[in-house]
PDB file of N, CA and C in Angstrom:
ATOM      1  N   UNK A   1       0.829  -1.169   0.000  1.00  0.00           N
ATOM      2  CA  UNK A   1       0.000   0.000   0.000  1.00  0.00           C
ATOM      3  C   UNK A   1       0.880   1.240   0.000  1.00  0.00           C
ATOM      4  N   UNK A   2       0.454   2.259  -0.676  1.00  0.00           N
ATOM      5  CA  UNK A   2       1.236   3.492  -0.754  1.00  0.00           C
ATOM      6  C   UNK A   2       1.136   4.268   0.557  1.00  0.00           C
ATOM      7  N   UNK A   3       1.950   5.301   0.678  1.00  0.00           N
ATOM      8  CA  UNK A   3       1.937   6.122   1.891  1.00  0.00           C
ATOM      9  C   UNK A   3       0.601   6.841   2.079  1.00  0.00           C
ATOM     10  N   UNK A   4      -0.193   6.933   1.035  1.00  0.00           N
ATOM     11  CA  UNK A   4      -1.507   7.578   1.128  1.00  0.00           C
ATOM     12  C   UNK A   4      -2.601   6.593   1.538  1.00  0.00           C
ATOM     13  N   UNK A   5      -2.247   5.326   1.733  1.00  0.00           N
ATOM     14  CA  UNK A   5      -3.226   4.315   2.089  1.00  0.00           C
ATOM     15  C   UNK A   5      -3.913   3.683   0.895  1.00  0.00           C
ATOM     16  N   UNK A   6      -3.575   4.146  -0.285  1.00  0.00           N
ATOM     17  CA  UNK A   6      -4.158   3.573  -1.493  1.00  0.00           C
ATOM     18  C   UNK A   6      -3.404   2.304  -1.882  1.00  0.00           C
ATOM     19  N   UNK A   7      -4.115   1.407  -2.512  1.00  0.00           N
ATOM     20  CA  UNK A   7      -3.491   0.232  -3.107  1.00  0.00           C
ATOM     21  C   UNK A   7      -2.981   0.672  -4.469  1.00  0.00           C
ATOM     22  N   UNK A   8      -1.687   0.514  -4.695  1.00  0.00           N
ATOM     23  CA  UNK A   8      -1.112   0.923  -5.980  1.00  0.00           C
ATOM     24  C   UNK A   8      -0.954  -0.308  -6.867  1.00  0.00           C
ATOM     25  N   UNK A   9      -1.481  -0.205  -8.071  1.00  0.00           N
ATOM     26  CA  UNK A   9      -1.501  -1.327  -9.003  1.00  0.00           C
ATOM     27  C   UNK A   9      -0.836  -0.915 -10.307  1.00  0.00           C
ATOM     28  N   UNK A  10       0.066  -1.763 -10.775  1.00  0.00           N
ATOM     29  CA  UNK A  10       0.637  -1.599 -12.109  1.00  0.00           C
ATOM     30  C   UNK A  10      -0.009  -2.645 -13.001  1.00  0.00           C
ATOM     31  N   UNK A  11      -0.720  -2.192 -14.016  1.00  0.00           N
ATOM     32  CA  UNK A  11      -1.349  -3.094 -14.974  1.00  0.00           C
ATOM     33  C   UNK A  11      -0.497  -3.176 -16.227  1.00  0.00           C
ATOM     34  N   UNK A  12       0.051  -4.357 -16.485  1.00  0.00           N
ATOM     35  CA  UNK A  12       0.911  -4.570 -17.649  1.00  0.00           C
ATOM     36  C   UNK A  12       0.142  -5.403 -18.663  1.00  0.00           C
ATOM     37  N   UNK A  13       0.074  -4.922 -19.895  1.00  0.00           N
ATOM     38  CA  UNK A  13      -0.634  -5.692 -20.902  1.00  0.00           C
ATOM     39  C   UNK A  13      -0.590  -5.038 -22.263  1.00  0.00           C
ATOM     40  N   UNK A  14      -1.322  -5.633 -23.157  1.00  0.00           N
ATOM     41  CA  UNK A  14      -1.439  -5.118 -24.513  1.00  0.00           C
ATOM     42  C   UNK A  14      -2.587  -4.115 -24.552  1.00  0.00           C
ATOM     43  N   UNK A  15      -2.571  -3.190 -25.499  1.00  0.00           N
ATOM     44  CA  UNK A  15      -3.710  -2.273 -25.632  1.00  0.00           C
ATOM     45  C   UNK A  15      -5.008  -3.062 -25.831  1.00  0.00           C
ATOM     46  N   UNK A  16      -6.104  -2.538 -25.295  1.00  0.00           N
ATOM     47  CA  UNK A  16      -7.389  -3.217 -25.425  1.00  0.00           C
ATOM     48  C   UNK A  16      -7.836  -3.140 -26.880  1.00  0.00           C
ATOM     49  N   UNK A  17      -8.149  -4.299 -27.493  1.00  0.00           N
ATOM     50  CA  UNK A  17      -8.555  -4.296 -28.906  1.00  0.00           C
ATOM     51  C   UNK A  17      -9.834  -3.484 -29.137  1.00  0.00           C
ATOM     52  N   UNK A  18      -9.913  -2.885 -30.296  1.00  0.00           N
ATOM     53  CA  UNK A  18     -11.056  -2.042 -30.679  1.00  0.00           C
ATOM     54  C   UNK A  18     -12.384  -2.797 -30.539  1.00  0.00           C
ATOM     55  N   UNK A  19     -12.404  -4.078 -30.883  1.00  0.00           N
ATOM     56  CA  UNK A  19     -13.659  -4.831 -30.798  1.00  0.00           C
ATOM     57  C   UNK A  19     -14.119  -5.021 -29.349  1.00  0.00           C
ATOM     58  N   UNK A  20     -13.197  -4.959 -28.382  1.00  0.00           N
ATOM     59  CA  UNK A  20     -13.563  -5.048 -26.965  1.00  0.00           C
ATOM     60  C   UNK A  20     -13.829  -3.668 -26.359  1.00  0.00           C
ATOM     61  N   UNK A  21     -13.377  -2.637 -27.057  1.00  0.00           N
ATOM     62  CA  UNK A  21     -13.487  -1.265 -26.547  1.00  0.00           C
ATOM     63  C   UNK A  21     -13.778  -0.310 -27.702  1.00  0.00           C
ATOM     64  N   UNK A  22     -14.977  -0.426 -28.306  1.00  0.00           N
ATOM     65  CA  UNK A  22     -15.274   0.366 -29.500  1.00  0.00           C
ATOM     66  C   UNK A  22     -15.182   1.878 -29.298  1.00  0.00           C
ATOM     67  N   UNK A  23     -15.431   2.365 -28.093  1.00  0.00           N
ATOM     68  CA  UNK A  23     -15.374   3.806 -27.834  1.00  0.00           C
ATOM     69  C   UNK A  23     -13.998   4.271 -27.380  1.00  0.00           C
ATOM     70  N   UNK A  24     -13.105   3.330 -27.126  1.00  0.00           N
ATOM     71  CA  UNK A  24     -11.758   3.683 -26.694  1.00  0.00           C
ATOM     72  C   UNK A  24     -11.684   4.261 -25.289  1.00  0.00           C
ATOM     73  N   UNK A  25     -12.696   3.972 -24.461  1.00  0.00           N
ATOM     74  CA  UNK A  25     -12.717   4.554 -23.123  1.00  0.00           C
ATOM     75  C   UNK A  25     -12.683   3.529 -21.989  1.00  0.00           C
ATOM     76  N   UNK A  26     -12.452   2.267 -22.320  1.00  0.00           N
ATOM     77  CA  UNK A  26     -12.477   1.218 -21.294  1.00  0.00           C
ATOM     78  C   UNK A  26     -11.432   1.451 -20.212  1.00  0.00           C
ATOM     79  N   UNK A  27     -10.215   1.795 -20.599  1.00  0.00           N
ATOM     80  CA  UNK A  27      -9.155   2.002 -19.612  1.00  0.00           C
ATOM     81  C   UNK A  27      -9.478   3.178 -18.689  1.00  0.00           C
ATOM     82  N   UNK A  28     -10.008   4.247 -19.245  1.00  0.00           N
ATOM     83  CA  UNK A  28     -10.393   5.404 -18.423  1.00  0.00           C
ATOM     84  C   UNK A  28     -11.497   5.026 -17.434  1.00  0.00           C
ATOM     85  N   UNK A  29     -12.449   4.219 -17.870  1.00  0.00           N
ATOM     86  CA  UNK A  29     -13.534   3.783 -16.982  1.00  0.00           C
ATOM     87  C   UNK A  29     -12.999   2.889 -15.868  1.00  0.00           C
ATOM     88  N   UNK A  30     -12.102   1.968 -16.217  1.00  0.00           N
ATOM     89  CA  UNK A  30     -11.513   1.075 -15.216  1.00  0.00           C
ATOM     90  C   UNK A  30     -10.707   1.885 -14.201  1.00  0.00           C
ATOM     91  N   UNK A  31      -9.944   2.851 -14.687  1.00  0.00           N
ATOM     92  CA  UNK A  31      -9.126   3.689 -13.805  1.00  0.00           C
ATOM     93  C   UNK A  31     -10.008   4.499 -12.856  1.00  0.00           C
ATOM     94  N   UNK A  32     -11.093   5.064 -13.362  1.00  0.00           N
ATOM     95  CA  UNK A  32     -12.016   5.837 -12.518  1.00  0.00           C
ATOM     96  C   UNK A  32     -12.688   4.941 -11.479  1.00  0.00           C
ATOM     97  N   UNK A  33     -13.096   3.753 -11.897  1.00  0.00           N
ATOM     98  CA  UNK A  33     -13.717   2.810 -10.960  1.00  0.00           C
ATOM     99  C   UNK A  33     -12.712   2.398  -9.891  1.00  0.00           C
ATOM    100  N   UNK A  34     -11.466   2.180 -10.292  1.00  0.00           N
ATOM    101  CA  UNK A  34     -10.409   1.833  -9.331  1.00  0.00           C
ATOM    102  C   UNK A  34     -10.238   2.951  -8.309  1.00  0.00           C
ATOM    103  N   UNK A  35     -10.189   4.180  -8.775  1.00  0.00           N
ATOM    104  CA  UNK A  35     -10.013   5.326  -7.876  1.00  0.00           C
ATOM    105  C   UNK A  35     -11.141   5.401  -6.848  1.00  0.00           C
ATOM    106  N   UNK A  36     -12.350   5.036  -7.257  1.00  0.00           N
ATOM    107  CA  UNK A  36     -13.483   5.063  -6.328  1.00  0.00           C
ATOM    108  C   UNK A  36     -13.347   4.005  -5.235  1.00  0.00           C
ATOM    109  N   UNK A  37     -12.476   3.023  -5.452  1.00  0.00           N
ATOM    110  CA  UNK A  37     -12.226   1.962  -4.468  1.00  0.00           C
ATOM    111  C   UNK A  37     -10.882   2.145  -3.761  1.00  0.00           C
ATOM    112  N   UNK A  38     -10.308   3.340  -3.866  1.00  0.00           N
ATOM    113  CA  UNK A  38      -9.026   3.667  -3.235  1.00  0.00           C
ATOM    114  C   UNK A  38      -7.866   2.859  -3.839  1.00  0.00           C
ATOM    115  N   UNK A  39      -7.975   2.605  -5.138  1.00  0.00           N
ATOM    116  CA  UNK A  39      -6.936   1.888  -5.875  1.00  0.00           C
ATOM    117  C   UNK A  39      -6.358   2.839  -6.911  1.00  0.00           C
ATOM    118  N   UNK A  40      -5.050   3.008  -6.861  1.00  0.00           N
ATOM    119  CA  UNK A  40      -4.355   3.859  -7.827  1.00  0.00           C
ATOM    120  C   UNK A  40      -3.801   2.957  -8.932  1.00  0.00           C
ATOM    121  N   UNK A  41      -4.346   3.097 -10.127  1.00  0.00           N
ATOM    122  CA  UNK A  41      -3.977   2.233 -11.245  1.00  0.00           C
ATOM    123  C   UNK A  41      -3.034   2.958 -12.195  1.00  0.00           C
ATOM    124  N   UNK A  42      -1.888   2.338 -12.441  1.00  0.00           N
ATOM    125  CA  UNK A  42      -0.930   2.825 -13.431  1.00  0.00           C
ATOM    126  C   UNK A  42      -0.876   1.793 -14.544  1.00  0.00           C
ATOM    127  N   UNK A  43      -1.009   2.234 -15.777  1.00  0.00           N
ATOM    128  CA  UNK A  43      -0.989   1.316 -16.914  1.00  0.00           C
ATOM    129  C   UNK A  43       0.372   1.300 -17.584  1.00  0.00           C
ATOM    130  N   UNK A  44       0.750   0.126 -18.019  1.00  0.00           N
ATOM    131  CA  UNK A  44       1.962  -0.065 -18.811  1.00  0.00           C
ATOM    132  C   UNK A  44       1.542  -0.899 -20.017  1.00  0.00           C
ATOM    133  N   UNK A  45       1.106  -0.207 -21.065  1.00  0.00           N
ATOM    134  CA  UNK A  45       0.612  -0.890 -22.259  1.00  0.00           C
ATOM    135  C   UNK A  45       1.752  -1.121 -23.233  1.00  0.00           C
ATOM    136  N   UNK A  46       1.829  -2.336 -23.721  1.00  0.00           N
ATOM    137  CA  UNK A  46       2.925  -2.743 -24.588  1.00  0.00           C
ATOM    138  C   UNK A  46       2.398  -2.941 -26.002  1.00  0.00           C
ATOM    139  N   UNK A  47       2.908  -2.144 -26.922  1.00  0.00           N
ATOM    140  CA  UNK A  47       2.556  -2.278 -28.335  1.00  0.00           C
ATOM    141  C   UNK A  47       3.541  -3.267 -28.946  1.00  0.00           C
ATOM    142  N   UNK A  48       3.052  -4.420 -29.334  1.00  0.00           N
ATOM    143  CA  UNK A  48       3.933  -5.488 -29.817  1.00  0.00           C
ATOM    144  C   UNK A  48       4.478  -5.220 -31.216  1.00  0.00           C
ATOM    145  N   UNK A  49       3.857  -4.338 -31.970  1.00  0.00           N
ATOM    146  CA  UNK A  49       4.300  -4.065 -33.341  1.00  0.00           C
ATOM    147  C   UNK A  49       5.670  -3.400 -33.330  1.00  0.00           C
ATOM    148  N   UNK A  50       6.663  -4.127 -33.759  1.00  0.00           N
ATOM    149  CA  UNK A  50       8.004  -3.577 -33.894  1.00  0.00           C
ATOM    150  C   UNK A  50       8.733  -3.341 -32.587  1.00  0.00           C
ATOM    151  N   UNK A  51       8.242  -3.905 -31.490  1.00  0.00           N
ATOM    152  CA  UNK A  51       8.878  -3.718 -30.193  1.00  0.00           C
ATOM    153  C   UNK A  51       9.639  -4.983 -29.823  1.00  0.00           C
ATOM    154  N   UNK A  52      10.955  -4.849 -29.628  1.00  0.00           N
ATOM    155  CA  UNK A  52      11.731  -6.038 -29.278  1.00  0.00           C
ATOM    156  C   UNK A  52      11.748  -6.243 -27.761  1.00  0.00           C
ATOM    157  N   UNK A  53      12.285  -7.391 -27.347  1.00  0.00           N
ATOM    158  CA  UNK A  53      12.291  -7.759 -25.930  1.00  0.00           C
ATOM    159  C   UNK A  53      12.948  -6.700 -25.055  1.00  0.00           C
ATOM    160  N   UNK A  54      14.076  -6.171 -25.494  1.00  0.00           N
ATOM    161  CA  UNK A  54      14.807  -5.195 -24.680  1.00  0.00           C
ATOM    162  C   UNK A  54      14.005  -3.915 -24.481  1.00  0.00           C
ATOM    163  N   UNK A  55      13.290  -3.482 -25.513  1.00  0.00           N
ATOM    164  CA  UNK A  55      12.451  -2.283 -25.390  1.00  0.00           C
ATOM    165  C   UNK A  55      11.320  -2.514 -24.388  1.00  0.00           C
ATOM    166  N   UNK A  56      10.746  -3.705 -24.438  1.00  0.00           N
ATOM    167  CA  UNK A  56       9.660  -4.042 -23.517  1.00  0.00           C
ATOM    168  C   UNK A  56      10.172  -4.055 -22.082  1.00  0.00           C
ATOM    169  N   UNK A  57      11.299  -4.716 -21.856  1.00  0.00           N
ATOM    170  CA  UNK A  57      11.878  -4.782 -20.510  1.00  0.00           C
ATOM    171  C   UNK A  57      12.223  -3.380 -20.013  1.00  0.00           C
ATOM    172  N   UNK A  58      12.772  -2.545 -20.886  1.00  0.00           N
ATOM    173  CA  UNK A  58      13.120  -1.170 -20.503  1.00  0.00           C
ATOM    174  C   UNK A  58      11.873  -0.397 -20.082  1.00  0.00           C
ATOM    175  N   UNK A  59      10.803  -0.513 -20.855  1.00  0.00           N
ATOM    176  CA  UNK A  59       9.546   0.169 -20.543  1.00  0.00           C
ATOM    177  C   UNK A  59       9.015  -0.263 -19.176  1.00  0.00           C
ATOM    178  N   UNK A  60       9.022  -1.558 -18.928  1.00  0.00           N
ATOM    179  CA  UNK A  60       8.518  -2.079 -17.658  1.00  0.00           C
ATOM    180  C   UNK A  60       9.412  -1.624 -16.504  1.00  0.00           C
ATOM    181  N   UNK A  61      10.720  -1.674 -16.688  1.00  0.00           N
ATOM    182  CA  UNK A  61      11.638  -1.224 -15.633  1.00  0.00           C
ATOM    183  C   UNK A  61      11.415   0.246 -15.292  1.00  0.00           C
ATOM    184  N   UNK A  62      11.159   1.065 -16.305  1.00  0.00           N
ATOM    185  CA  UNK A  62      10.882   2.487 -16.053  1.00  0.00           C
ATOM    186  C   UNK A  62       9.665   2.648 -15.150  1.00  0.00           C
ATOM    187  N   UNK A  63       8.615   1.887 -15.431  1.00  0.00           N
ATOM    188  CA  UNK A  63       7.406   1.953 -14.597  1.00  0.00           C
ATOM    189  C   UNK A  63       7.695   1.444 -13.184  1.00  0.00           C
ATOM    190  N   UNK A  64       8.462   0.361 -13.076  1.00  0.00           N
ATOM    191  CA  UNK A  64       8.769  -0.208 -11.765  1.00  0.00           C
ATOM    192  C   UNK A  64       9.632   0.729 -10.930  1.00  0.00           C
ATOM    193  N   UNK A  65      10.448   1.533 -11.584  1.00  0.00           N
ATOM    194  CA  UNK A  65      11.298   2.489 -10.873  1.00  0.00           C
ATOM    195  C   UNK A  65      10.532   3.714 -10.380  1.00  0.00           C
ATOM    196  N   UNK A  66       9.347   3.956 -10.919  1.00  0.00           N
ATOM    197  CA  UNK A  66       8.560   5.136 -10.538  1.00  0.00           C
ATOM    198  C   UNK A  66       8.056   5.065  -9.106  1.00  0.00           C
ATOM    199  N   UNK A  67       7.676   3.875  -8.661  1.00  0.00           N
ATOM    200  CA  UNK A  67       7.122   3.725  -7.315  1.00  0.00           C
ATOM    201  C   UNK A  67       7.066   2.250  -6.935  1.00  0.00           C
ATOM    202  N   UNK A  68       6.745   2.015  -5.670  1.00  0.00           N
ATOM    203  CA  UNK A  68       6.524   0.653  -5.192  1.00  0.00           C
ATOM    204  C   UNK A  68       5.054   0.319  -5.427  1.00  0.00           C
ATOM    205  N   UNK A  69       4.794  -0.818  -6.041  1.00  0.00           N
ATOM    206  CA  UNK A  69       3.421  -1.231  -6.318  1.00  0.00           C
ATOM    207  C   UNK A  69       2.992  -2.313  -5.336  1.00  0.00           C
ATOM    208  N   UNK A  70       1.744  -2.257  -4.928  1.00  0.00           N
ATOM    209  CA  UNK A  70       1.173  -3.272  -4.052  1.00  0.00           C
ATOM    210  C   UNK A  70       0.861  -4.526  -4.862  1.00  0.00           C
ATOM    211  N   UNK A  71       0.317  -4.315  -6.058  1.00  0.00           N
ATOM    212  CA  UNK A  71      -0.079  -5.407  -6.952  1.00  0.00           C
ATOM    213  C   UNK A  71       0.426  -5.105  -8.354  1.00  0.00           C
ATOM    214  N   UNK A  72       0.913  -6.141  -9.020  1.00  0.00           N
ATOM    215  CA  UNK A  72       1.253  -6.039 -10.441  1.00  0.00           C
ATOM    216  C   UNK A  72       0.332  -7.011 -11.165  1.00  0.00           C
ATOM    217  N   UNK A  73      -0.425  -6.485 -12.101  1.00  0.00           N
ATOM    218  CA  UNK A  73      -1.423  -7.261 -12.824  1.00  0.00           C
ATOM    219  C   UNK A  73      -0.974  -7.450 -14.271  1.00  0.00           C
ATOM    220  N   UNK A  74      -1.084  -8.689 -14.744  1.00  0.00           N
ATOM    221  CA  UNK A  74      -0.658  -9.027 -16.104  1.00  0.00           C
ATOM    222  C   UNK A  74      -1.881  -9.391 -16.928  1.00  0.00           C
ATOM    223  N   UNK A  75      -2.139  -8.615 -17.979  1.00  0.00           N
ATOM    224  CA  UNK A  75      -3.302  -8.843 -18.825  1.00  0.00           C
ATOM    225  C   UNK A  75      -3.300 -10.201 -19.514  1.00  0.00           C
ATOM    226  N   UNK A  76      -4.503 -10.692 -19.748  1.00  0.00           N
ATOM    227  CA  UNK A  76      -4.690 -12.009 -20.351  1.00  0.00           C
ATOM    228  C   UNK A  76      -4.003 -12.131 -21.708  1.00  0.00           C
ATOM    229  N   UNK A  77      -4.186 -11.182 -22.586  1.00  0.00           N
ATOM    230  CA  UNK A  77      -3.610 -11.292 -23.936  1.00  0.00           C
ATOM    231  C   UNK A  77      -2.090 -11.381 -23.873  1.00  0.00           C
ATOM    232  N   UNK A  78      -1.480 -10.650 -22.961  1.00  0.00           N
ATOM    233  CA  UNK A  78      -0.021 -10.676 -22.824  1.00  0.00           C
ATOM    234  C   UNK A  78       0.459 -12.059 -22.388  1.00  0.00           C
ATOM    235  N   UNK A  79      -0.362 -12.763 -21.623  1.00  0.00           N
ATOM    236  CA  UNK A  79       0.012 -14.095 -21.140  1.00  0.00           C
ATOM    237  C   UNK A  79      -0.382 -15.202 -22.103  1.00  0.00           C
ATOM    238  N   UNK A  80      -1.438 -15.007 -22.860  1.00  0.00           N
ATOM    239  CA  UNK A  80      -2.047 -16.100 -23.608  1.00  0.00           C
ATOM    240  C   UNK A  80      -1.517 -16.305 -25.020  1.00  0.00           C
ATOM    241  N   UNK A  81      -0.888 -15.304 -25.587  1.00  0.00           N
ATOM    242  CA  UNK A  81      -0.433 -15.429 -26.971  1.00  0.00           C
ATOM    243  C   UNK A  81       0.886 -16.193 -26.994  1.00  0.00           C
ATOM    244  N   UNK A  82       0.848 -17.373 -27.547  1.00  0.00           N
ATOM    245  CA  UNK A  82       2.004 -18.276 -27.526  1.00  0.00           C
ATOM    246  C   UNK A  82       3.269 -17.624 -28.091  1.00  0.00           C
ATOM    247  N   UNK A  83       3.119 -16.854 -29.142  1.00  0.00           N
ATOM    248  CA  UNK A  83       4.273 -16.262 -29.819  1.00  0.00           C
ATOM    249  C   UNK A  83       5.010 -15.220 -28.969  1.00  0.00           C
ATOM    250  N   UNK A  84       4.373 -14.707 -27.941  1.00  0.00           N
ATOM    251  CA  UNK A  84       5.050 -13.709 -27.101  1.00  0.00           C
ATOM    252  C   UNK A  84       5.262 -14.208 -25.670  1.00  0.00           C
ATOM    253  N   UNK A  85       5.141 -15.509 -25.472  1.00  0.00           N
ATOM    254  CA  UNK A  85       5.291 -16.082 -24.138  1.00  0.00           C
ATOM    255  C   UNK A  85       6.638 -15.766 -23.507  1.00  0.00           C
ATOM    256  N   UNK A  86       7.706 -15.764 -24.290  1.00  0.00           N
ATOM    257  CA  UNK A  86       9.024 -15.464 -23.716  1.00  0.00           C
ATOM    258  C   UNK A  86       9.096 -14.011 -23.246  1.00  0.00           C
ATOM    259  N   UNK A  87       8.385 -13.116 -23.935  1.00  0.00           N
ATOM    260  CA  UNK A  87       8.339 -11.715 -23.489  1.00  0.00           C
ATOM    261  C   UNK A  87       7.642 -11.631 -22.129  1.00  0.00           C
ATOM    262  N   UNK A  88       6.536 -12.343 -21.990  1.00  0.00           N
ATOM    263  CA  UNK A  88       5.823 -12.370 -20.715  1.00  0.00           C
ATOM    264  C   UNK A  88       6.729 -12.910 -19.607  1.00  0.00           C
ATOM    265  N   UNK A  89       7.430 -14.000 -19.862  1.00  0.00           N
ATOM    266  CA  UNK A  89       8.327 -14.576 -18.853  1.00  0.00           C
ATOM    267  C   UNK A  89       9.377 -13.572 -18.405  1.00  0.00           C
ATOM    268  N   UNK A  90       9.984 -12.880 -19.358  1.00  0.00           N
ATOM    269  CA  UNK A  90      11.012 -11.890 -19.009  1.00  0.00           C
ATOM    270  C   UNK A  90      10.428 -10.776 -18.158  1.00  0.00           C
ATOM    271  N   UNK A  91       9.275 -10.272 -18.551  1.00  0.00           N
ATOM    272  CA  UNK A  91       8.648  -9.181 -17.805  1.00  0.00           C
ATOM    273  C   UNK A  91       8.270  -9.647 -16.396  1.00  0.00           C
ATOM    274  N   UNK A  92       7.683 -10.818 -16.276  1.00  0.00           N
ATOM    275  CA  UNK A  92       7.311 -11.349 -14.966  1.00  0.00           C
ATOM    276  C   UNK A  92       8.537 -11.455 -14.059  1.00  0.00           C
ATOM    277  N   UNK A  93       9.626 -11.991 -14.577  1.00  0.00           N
ATOM    278  CA  UNK A  93      10.838 -12.146 -13.775  1.00  0.00           C
ATOM    279  C   UNK A  93      11.452 -10.806 -13.391  1.00  0.00           C
ATOM    280  N   UNK A  94      11.404  -9.823 -14.281  1.00  0.00           N
ATOM    281  CA  UNK A  94      11.888  -8.478 -13.945  1.00  0.00           C
ATOM    282  C   UNK A  94      11.048  -7.905 -12.801  1.00  0.00           C
ATOM    283  N   UNK A  95       9.743  -8.094 -12.866  1.00  0.00           N
ATOM    284  CA  UNK A  95       8.861  -7.587 -11.808  1.00  0.00           C
ATOM    285  C   UNK A  95       9.180  -8.237 -10.465  1.00  0.00           C
ATOM    286  N   UNK A  96       9.375  -9.541 -10.459  1.00  0.00           N
ATOM    287  CA  UNK A  96       9.695 -10.256  -9.219  1.00  0.00           C
ATOM    288  C   UNK A  96      11.029  -9.777  -8.656  1.00  0.00           C
ATOM    289  N   UNK A  97      12.011  -9.572  -9.530  1.00  0.00           N
ATOM    290  CA  UNK A  97      13.327  -9.108  -9.081  1.00  0.00           C
ATOM    291  C   UNK A  97      13.275  -7.688  -8.534  1.00  0.00           C
ATOM    292  N   UNK A  98      12.585  -6.808  -9.226  1.00  0.00           N
ATOM    293  CA  UNK A  98      12.601  -5.393  -8.853  1.00  0.00           C
ATOM    294  C   UNK A  98      11.614  -5.041  -7.740  1.00  0.00           C
ATOM    295  N   UNK A  99      10.535  -5.811  -7.621  1.00  0.00           N
ATOM    296  CA  UNK A  99       9.528  -5.517  -6.601  1.00  0.00           C
ATOM    297  C   UNK A  99       9.074  -6.827  -5.948  1.00  0.00           C
ATOM    298  N   UNK A 100       9.986  -7.447  -5.185  1.00  0.00           N
ATOM    299  CA  UNK A 100       9.693  -8.763  -4.617  1.00  0.00           C
ATOM    300  C   UNK A 100       8.506  -8.793  -3.653  1.00  0.00           C
ATOM    301  N   UNK A 101       8.123  -7.670  -3.091  1.00  0.00           N
ATOM    302  CA  UNK A 101       6.989  -7.646  -2.167  1.00  0.00           C
ATOM    303  C   UNK A 101       5.641  -7.492  -2.832  1.00  0.00           C
ATOM    304  N   UNK A 102       5.628  -7.212  -4.117  1.00  0.00           N
ATOM    305  CA  UNK A 102       4.356  -7.005  -4.823  1.00  0.00           C
ATOM    306  C   UNK A 102       3.635  -8.331  -5.022  1.00  0.00           C
ATOM    307  N   UNK A 103       2.327  -8.269  -4.928  1.00  0.00           N
ATOM    308  CA  UNK A 103       1.507  -9.444  -5.226  1.00  0.00           C
ATOM    309  C   UNK A 103       1.217  -9.440  -6.717  1.00  0.00           C
ATOM    310  N   UNK A 104       1.132 -10.618  -7.301  1.00  0.00           N
ATOM    311  CA  UNK A 104       0.907 -10.749  -8.736  1.00  0.00           C
ATOM    312  C   UNK A 104      -0.541 -11.143  -8.991  1.00  0.00           C
ATOM    313  N   UNK A 105      -1.158 -10.486  -9.982  1.00  0.00           N
ATOM    314  CA  UNK A 105      -2.533 -10.786 -10.347  1.00  0.00           C
ATOM    315  C   UNK A 105      -2.635 -11.111 -11.825  1.00  0.00           C
ATOM    316  N   UNK A 106      -3.605 -11.970 -12.153  1.00  0.00           N
ATOM    317  CA  UNK A 106      -3.730 -12.458 -13.520  1.00  0.00           C
ATOM    318  C   UNK A 106      -5.194 -12.455 -13.976  1.00  0.00           C
ATOM    319  N   UNK A 107      -5.731 -11.279 -14.316  1.00  0.00           N
ATOM    320  CA  UNK A 107      -7.118 -11.213 -14.785  1.00  0.00           C
ATOM    321  C   UNK A 107      -7.267 -11.840 -16.176  1.00  0.00           C
ATOM    322  N   UNK A 108      -8.495 -12.250 -16.472  1.00  0.00           N
ATOM    323  CA  UNK A 108      -8.768 -12.819 -17.794  1.00  0.00           C
ATOM    324  C   UNK A 108      -9.438 -11.817 -18.730  1.00  0.00           C
ATOM    325  N   UNK A 109      -9.701 -10.611 -18.224  1.00  0.00           N
ATOM    326  CA  UNK A 109     -10.232  -9.530 -19.060  1.00  0.00           C
ATOM    327  C   UNK A 109      -9.912  -8.209 -18.364  1.00  0.00           C
ATOM    328  N   UNK A 110      -9.918  -7.101 -19.098  1.00  0.00           N
ATOM    329  CA  UNK A 110      -9.666  -5.805 -18.460  1.00  0.00           C
ATOM    330  C   UNK A 110     -10.678  -5.509 -17.342  1.00  0.00           C
ATOM    331  N   UNK A 111     -11.919  -5.911 -17.547  1.00  0.00           N
ATOM    332  CA  UNK A 111     -12.968  -5.634 -16.576  1.00  0.00           C
ATOM    333  C   UNK A 111     -12.779  -6.426 -15.280  1.00  0.00           C
ATOM    334  N   UNK A 112     -11.986  -7.468 -15.317  1.00  0.00           N
ATOM    335  CA  UNK A 112     -11.777  -8.313 -14.137  1.00  0.00           C
ATOM    336  C   UNK A 112     -10.622  -7.824 -13.255  1.00  0.00           C
ATOM    337  N   UNK A 113      -9.887  -6.819 -13.692  1.00  0.00           N
ATOM    338  CA  UNK A 113      -8.690  -6.407 -12.962  1.00  0.00           C
ATOM    339  C   UNK A 113      -8.974  -6.074 -11.500  1.00  0.00           C
ATOM    340  N   UNK A 114     -10.010  -5.308 -11.222  1.00  0.00           N
ATOM    341  CA  UNK A 114     -10.279  -4.907  -9.840  1.00  0.00           C
ATOM    342  C   UNK A 114     -10.686  -6.087  -8.972  1.00  0.00           C
ATOM    343  N   UNK A 115     -11.401  -7.035  -9.547  1.00  0.00           N
ATOM    344  CA  UNK A 115     -11.749  -8.254  -8.822  1.00  0.00           C
ATOM    345  C   UNK A 115     -10.486  -9.013  -8.446  1.00  0.00           C
ATOM    346  N   UNK A 116      -9.547  -9.074  -9.365  1.00  0.00           N
ATOM    347  CA  UNK A 116      -8.280  -9.760  -9.108  1.00  0.00           C
ATOM    348  C   UNK A 116      -7.495  -9.036  -8.020  1.00  0.00           C
ATOM    349  N   UNK A 117      -7.464  -7.716  -8.063  1.00  0.00           N
ATOM    350  CA  UNK A 117      -6.762  -6.951  -7.023  1.00  0.00           C
ATOM    351  C   UNK A 117      -7.368  -7.270  -5.659  1.00  0.00           C
ATOM    352  N   UNK A 118      -8.681  -7.249  -5.568  1.00  0.00           N
ATOM    353  CA  UNK A 118      -9.343  -7.570  -4.299  1.00  0.00           C
ATOM    354  C   UNK A 118      -9.021  -8.992  -3.860  1.00  0.00           C
ATOM    355  N   UNK A 119      -8.987  -9.924  -4.802  1.00  0.00           N
ATOM    356  CA  UNK A 119      -8.701 -11.325  -4.478  1.00  0.00           C
ATOM    357  C   UNK A 119      -7.281 -11.494  -3.942  1.00  0.00           C
ATOM    358  N   UNK A 120      -6.291 -10.908  -4.610  1.00  0.00           N
ATOM    359  CA  UNK A 120      -4.902 -11.120  -4.169  1.00  0.00           C
ATOM    360  C   UNK A 120      -4.580 -10.339  -2.898  1.00  0.00           C
ATOM    361  N   UNK A 121      -5.387  -9.335  -2.574  1.00  0.00           N
ATOM    362  CA  UNK A 121      -5.173  -8.565  -1.348  1.00  0.00           C
ATOM    363  C   UNK A 121      -5.887  -9.183  -0.141  1.00  0.00           C
ATOM    364  N   UNK A 122      -6.779 -10.151  -0.392  1.00  0.00           N
ATOM    365  CA  UNK A 122      -7.551 -10.767   0.710  1.00  0.00           C
ATOM    366  C   UNK A 122      -6.660 -11.627   1.591  1.00  0.00           C
TER     367      UNK A 122
END
């Protein structure tokens, strides 16, 4: 928990596909809902197009260096796509190394993130 008493969450994943978020406002809605529950959500969205492993690790490390997170959440698409599994493994291990006290969460949809945060904090 942060010094303000809020639960700080880093959400790592791929951008939400247009077909799941036709208005492009899903992340803003999730963030607002999180704030209403005293959860501070920071997003780390990874664009896989033309992004190599080192760039991804660098991006995640930058976010991890910003603050201590209570929970680190890994989006379903980032975990489920076989072709990028090694990227997920590297990112997960970097998170464990850099923030060993953080709890790890694994939602199956963007809308499930807050449920997962509540579950891993119980």
